Amino acid sequence: MHGKRGNPDEHAKLTEAGFQMTSDTIGDTYYVGPHNFLVWLFEDGTWRSYPEYPCEGSLDAYLAHIEASLPVF
């Protein structure tokens, strides 16, 4: 199953968190974020990440987890 562009709210949250949407040559769409975190959003409303999120949660919780784990310069 290929990823898709997020709905306007998801897309805005991801881009505000420093993610950029991209598509590969086989049509998979995903978001590349800080330190090469990856997020795929799917038509059925589910999502996955790489590296995998350590616990179940919402996309908002995942973005908060990433923000908290990034080094501060």
C-alpha atoms as a PDB file:
ATOM      1  CA  MET A   1       0.000   0.000   0.000  1.00  0.00           C
ATOM      2  CA  HIS A   2       1.423   3.368  -1.032  1.00  0.00           C
ATOM      3  CA  GLY A   3       1.346   6.437   1.154  1.00  0.00           C
ATOM      4  CA  LYS A   4      -0.603   9.548   0.202  1.00  0.00           C
ATOM      5  CA  ARG A   5      -0.536  13.286   0.788  1.00  0.00           C
ATOM      6  CA  GLY A   6      -2.075  14.082   4.140  1.00  0.00           C
ATOM      7  CA  ASN A   7      -5.321  15.965   4.481  1.00  0.00           C
ATOM      8  CA  PRO A   8      -4.825  19.731   4.911  1.00  0.00           C
ATOM      9  CA  ASP A   9      -4.538  19.452   8.717  1.00  0.00           C
ATOM     10  CA  GLU A  10      -2.062  16.522   8.622  1.00  0.00           C
ATOM     11  CA  HIS A  11      -0.012  18.142   5.870  1.00  0.00           C
ATOM     12  CA  ALA A  12       0.183  21.436   7.792  1.00  0.00           C
ATOM     13  CA  LYS A  13       1.241  19.703  11.032  1.00  0.00           C
ATOM     14  CA  LEU A  14       3.946  17.725   9.262  1.00  0.00           C
ATOM     15  CA  THR A  15       5.347  20.691   7.358  1.00  0.00           C
ATOM     16  CA  GLU A  16       5.303  22.849  10.504  1.00  0.00           C
ATOM     17  CA  ALA A  17       7.319  20.087  12.201  1.00  0.00           C
ATOM     18  CA  GLY A  18       9.953  20.306   9.446  1.00  0.00           C
ATOM     19  CA  PHE A  19       8.762  17.456   7.215  1.00  0.00           C
ATOM     20  CA  GLN A  20       8.714  17.689   3.429  1.00  0.00           C
ATOM     21  CA  MET A  21       6.410  15.614   1.262  1.00  0.00           C
ATOM     22  CA  THR A  22       8.027  13.577  -1.497  1.00  0.00           C
ATOM     23  CA  SER A  23       7.099  10.804  -3.919  1.00  0.00           C
ATOM     24  CA  ASP A  24       9.287   8.079  -5.325  1.00  0.00           C
ATOM     25  CA  THR A  25       9.369   6.618  -8.828  1.00  0.00           C
ATOM     26  CA  ILE A  26       6.772   3.935  -8.037  1.00  0.00           C
ATOM     27  CA  GLY A  27       4.210   6.433  -6.737  1.00  0.00           C
ATOM     28  CA  ASP A  28       4.721   6.076  -3.009  1.00  0.00           C
ATOM     29  CA  THR A  29       4.194   9.401  -1.213  1.00  0.00           C
ATOM     30  CA  TYR A  30       5.685  10.051   2.199  1.00  0.00           C
ATOM     31  CA  TYR A  31       7.132  12.776   4.388  1.00  0.00           C
ATOM     32  CA  VAL A  32      10.829  13.183   5.207  1.00  0.00           C
ATOM     33  CA  GLY A  33      11.530  14.983   8.442  1.00  0.00           C
ATOM     34  CA  PRO A  34      14.329  16.098  10.709  1.00  0.00           C
ATOM     35  CA  HIS A  35      17.143  13.565  11.063  1.00  0.00           C
ATOM     36  CA  ASN A  36      15.542  11.461   8.295  1.00  0.00           C
ATOM     37  CA  PHE A  37      12.414  10.515  10.214  1.00  0.00           C
ATOM     38  CA  LEU A  38       9.869   9.204   7.692  1.00  0.00           C
ATOM     39  CA  VAL A  39       6.063   9.213   7.870  1.00  0.00           C
ATOM     40  CA  TRP A  40       3.594   7.480   5.553  1.00  0.00           C
ATOM     41  CA  LEU A  41      -0.114   8.346   5.653  1.00  0.00           C
ATOM     42  CA  PHE A  42      -2.589   5.876   4.180  1.00  0.00           C
ATOM     43  CA  GLU A  43      -6.064   6.090   2.630  1.00  0.00           C
ATOM     44  CA  ASP A  44      -7.600   4.093   5.481  1.00  0.00           C
ATOM     45  CA  GLY A  45      -6.560   6.758   8.027  1.00  0.00           C
ATOM     46  CA  THR A  46      -3.613   4.819   9.437  1.00  0.00           C
ATOM     47  CA  TRP A  47       0.001   5.903   9.378  1.00  0.00           C
ATOM     48  CA  ARG A  48       3.442   4.471  10.037  1.00  0.00           C
ATOM     49  CA  SER A  49       6.865   5.878  10.650  1.00  0.00           C
ATOM     50  CA  TYR A  50      10.503   5.032  10.360  1.00  0.00           C
ATOM     51  CA  PRO A  51      12.040   4.573  12.755  1.00  0.00           C
ATOM     52  CA  GLU A  52       8.937   3.022  14.226  1.00  0.00           C
ATOM     53  CA  TYR A  53       7.170   5.014  16.920  1.00  0.00           C
ATOM     54  CA  PRO A  54       7.897   3.251  20.220  1.00  0.00           C
ATOM     55  CA  CYS A  55       4.246   3.070  21.255  1.00  0.00           C
ATOM     56  CA  GLU A  56       0.816   3.383  19.733  1.00  0.00           C
ATOM     57  CA  GLY A  57      -0.469   6.890  19.392  1.00  0.00           C
ATOM     58  CA  SER A  58      -1.727   9.665  17.237  1.00  0.00           C
ATOM     59  CA  LEU A  59       0.254  11.568  14.661  1.00  0.00           C
ATOM     60  CA  ASP A  60       0.204  14.543  17.069  1.00  0.00           C
ATOM     61  CA  ALA A  61       1.798  12.399  19.798  1.00  0.00           C
ATOM     62  CA  TYR A  62       4.416  11.186  17.344  1.00  0.00           C
ATOM     63  CA  LEU A  63       5.334  14.726  16.295  1.00  0.00           C
ATOM     64  CA  ALA A  64       5.580  15.769  19.960  1.00  0.00           C
ATOM     65  CA  HIS A  65       7.827  12.745  20.608  1.00  0.00           C
ATOM     66  CA  ILE A  66      10.124  13.725  17.732  1.00  0.00           C
ATOM     67  CA  GLU A  67      10.285  17.353  18.859  1.00  0.00           C
ATOM     68  CA  ALA A  68      11.188  16.273  22.406  1.00  0.00           C
ATOM     69  CA  SER A  69      13.888  13.879  21.173  1.00  0.00           C
ATOM     70  CA  LEU A  70      15.705  16.281  18.828  1.00  0.00           C
ATOM     71  CA  PRO A  71      18.886  17.893  20.121  1.00  0.00           C
ATOM     72  CA  VAL A  72      18.685  21.582  20.969  1.00  0.00           C
ATOM     73  CA  PHE A  73      21.412  23.762  19.462  1.00  0.00           C
END
